[in-house]
Amino acid sequence: MAFAERNPFHTALARVMDRFVPSPPVEPDAPDAFRFASLGKLLAIFREAGVVKPSERLLQCKIEAAVPLEEFLTLRLEMSEKMRDRFRSCRRSKLRKCGGWRWRRWENIRQSAG
């Protein structure tokens, strides 16, 4: 499993949206949150740039916050142009089918996205 797929902050909403609006494939060097997540990728760039004795390690942390759904969705949309584009393209009829979430919330968020 890829590192990005183990990060629910970035994938939870995307997985729901994938059922209704297809996500285009990500190019290998696309400027997204996980561009440098592959082991050694950023290290190689530092070496190429001439950094003396670069090293890398995995930083593991757990972040928890009690955030209402609307605030979480608003934050994710503010952070991701790709997600905003997907919301804009989603038709109201599809939003009503989103598992367990009230379609009005989705519609309000979709409208605020664009």
Protein backbone atom coordinates (compact mmCIF):
# COMPACT_ATOMS: atom_id res chain seq x y z
CA MET A 1 0.00 0.00 0.00
CA ALA A 2 1.36 3.40 -0.97
CA PHE A 3 2.12 5.94 1.74
CA ALA A 4 -0.62 8.27 0.48
CA GLU A 5 -3.23 5.51 0.77
CA ARG A 6 -2.43 5.10 4.49
CA ASN A 7 -3.16 8.75 5.25
CA PRO A 8 -6.88 9.12 6.04
CA PHE A 9 -6.70 12.92 6.22
CA HIS A 10 -5.97 12.98 2.50
CA THR A 11 -7.84 9.86 1.39
CA ALA A 12 -11.11 9.65 3.35
CA LEU A 13 -12.93 12.26 1.30
CA ALA A 14 -11.26 11.15 -1.94
CA ARG A 15 -12.48 7.58 -1.47
CA VAL A 16 -16.07 8.75 -1.08
CA MET A 17 -15.77 11.08 -4.07
CA ASP A 18 -14.22 8.30 -6.21
CA ARG A 19 -17.57 6.52 -6.14
CA PHE A 20 -19.27 9.48 -7.81
CA VAL A 21 -16.62 11.51 -9.65
CA PRO A 22 -13.63 9.67 -11.11
CA SER A 23 -10.24 10.94 -10.03
CA PRO A 24 -7.73 11.40 -12.83
CA PRO A 25 -4.51 9.41 -12.43
CA VAL A 26 -1.71 11.28 -10.68
CA GLU A 27 1.42 11.89 -12.72
CA PRO A 28 4.59 10.51 -11.06
CA ASP A 29 6.07 13.96 -10.35
CA ALA A 30 2.83 15.92 -9.93
CA PRO A 31 2.98 18.70 -7.34
CA ASP A 32 0.72 17.13 -4.72
CA ALA A 33 0.97 16.34 -1.01
CA PHE A 34 2.86 13.09 -1.61
CA ARG A 35 5.26 14.18 -4.33
CA PHE A 36 8.30 13.41 -2.18
CA ALA A 37 6.83 10.60 -0.07
CA SER A 38 8.72 7.78 -1.80
CA LEU A 39 11.70 6.65 0.22
CA GLY A 40 14.85 8.31 -1.10
CA LYS A 41 13.21 10.73 -3.53
CA LEU A 42 13.81 13.93 -1.58
CA LEU A 43 17.17 12.63 -0.34
CA ALA A 44 18.34 12.24 -3.94
CA ILE A 45 17.30 15.82 -4.71
CA PHE A 46 19.26 17.10 -1.71
CA ARG A 47 22.33 15.12 -2.77
CA GLU A 48 22.05 16.45 -6.33
CA ALA A 49 21.83 19.98 -4.91
CA GLY A 50 25.08 19.46 -3.02
CA VAL A 51 23.80 19.09 0.54
CA VAL A 52 26.57 17.59 2.69
CA LYS A 53 25.59 14.37 4.50
CA PRO A 54 21.84 14.48 3.91
CA SER A 55 19.75 11.90 5.72
CA GLU A 56 16.11 10.99 5.96
CA ARG A 57 13.81 9.27 8.39
CA LEU A 58 10.13 8.58 8.62
CA LEU A 59 8.35 10.96 10.96
CA GLN A 60 5.42 9.17 12.50
CA CYS A 61 2.80 11.19 14.30
CA LYS A 62 -0.83 10.88 15.19
CA ILE A 63 -3.08 13.90 14.98
CA GLU A 64 -6.61 13.80 16.32
CA ALA A 65 -9.13 16.62 16.39
CA ALA A 66 -12.83 16.73 17.07
CA VAL A 67 -13.91 18.70 14.03
CA PRO A 68 -17.44 18.91 12.64
CA LEU A 69 -17.90 17.41 9.18
CA GLU A 70 -18.52 20.76 7.51
CA GLU A 71 -15.29 22.21 8.92
CA PHE A 72 -13.27 19.19 7.83
CA LEU A 73 -14.69 19.33 4.32
CA THR A 74 -14.12 23.07 4.11
CA LEU A 75 -10.50 22.63 5.19
CA ARG A 76 -9.90 19.83 2.67
CA LEU A 77 -11.39 21.90 -0.13
CA GLU A 78 -9.29 24.91 0.81
CA MET A 79 -6.18 22.72 0.65
CA SER A 80 -6.87 20.92 -2.62
CA GLU A 81 -7.62 22.46 -5.99
CA LYS A 82 -8.10 18.96 -7.38
CA MET A 83 -10.80 18.21 -4.78
CA ARG A 84 -12.53 21.56 -5.42
CA ASP A 85 -12.67 20.72 -9.13
CA ARG A 86 -14.18 17.33 -8.37
CA PHE A 87 -16.86 18.89 -6.14
CA ARG A 88 -17.74 21.45 -8.78
CA SER A 89 -18.23 18.72 -11.36
CA CYS A 90 -20.43 16.56 -9.14
CA ARG A 91 -24.10 16.77 -10.00
CA ARG A 92 -26.72 17.26 -7.29
CA SER A 93 -28.27 13.85 -8.03
CA LYS A 94 -24.94 12.18 -7.25
CA LEU A 95 -24.45 14.20 -4.09
CA ARG A 96 -27.73 12.85 -2.71
CA LYS A 97 -26.34 9.31 -2.93
CA CYS A 98 -23.21 10.01 -0.86
CA GLY A 99 -23.23 7.39 1.87
CA GLY A 100 -24.77 8.62 5.08
CA TRP A 101 -23.95 12.29 4.62
CA ARG A 102 -26.81 14.69 4.08
CA TRP A 103 -26.84 15.90 0.51
CA ARG A 104 -27.59 19.47 1.62
CA ARG A 105 -24.25 19.62 3.39
CA TRP A 106 -22.53 18.41 0.24
CA GLU A 107 -24.44 20.92 -1.85
CA ASN A 108 -23.52 23.82 0.46
CA ILE A 109 -19.89 22.79 0.41
CA ARG A 110 -19.93 22.28 -3.35
CA GLN A 111 -21.34 25.77 -3.85
CA SER A 112 -18.74 27.31 -1.54
CA ALA A 113 -16.01 25.50 -3.50
CA GLY A 114 -16.66 27.43 -6.62
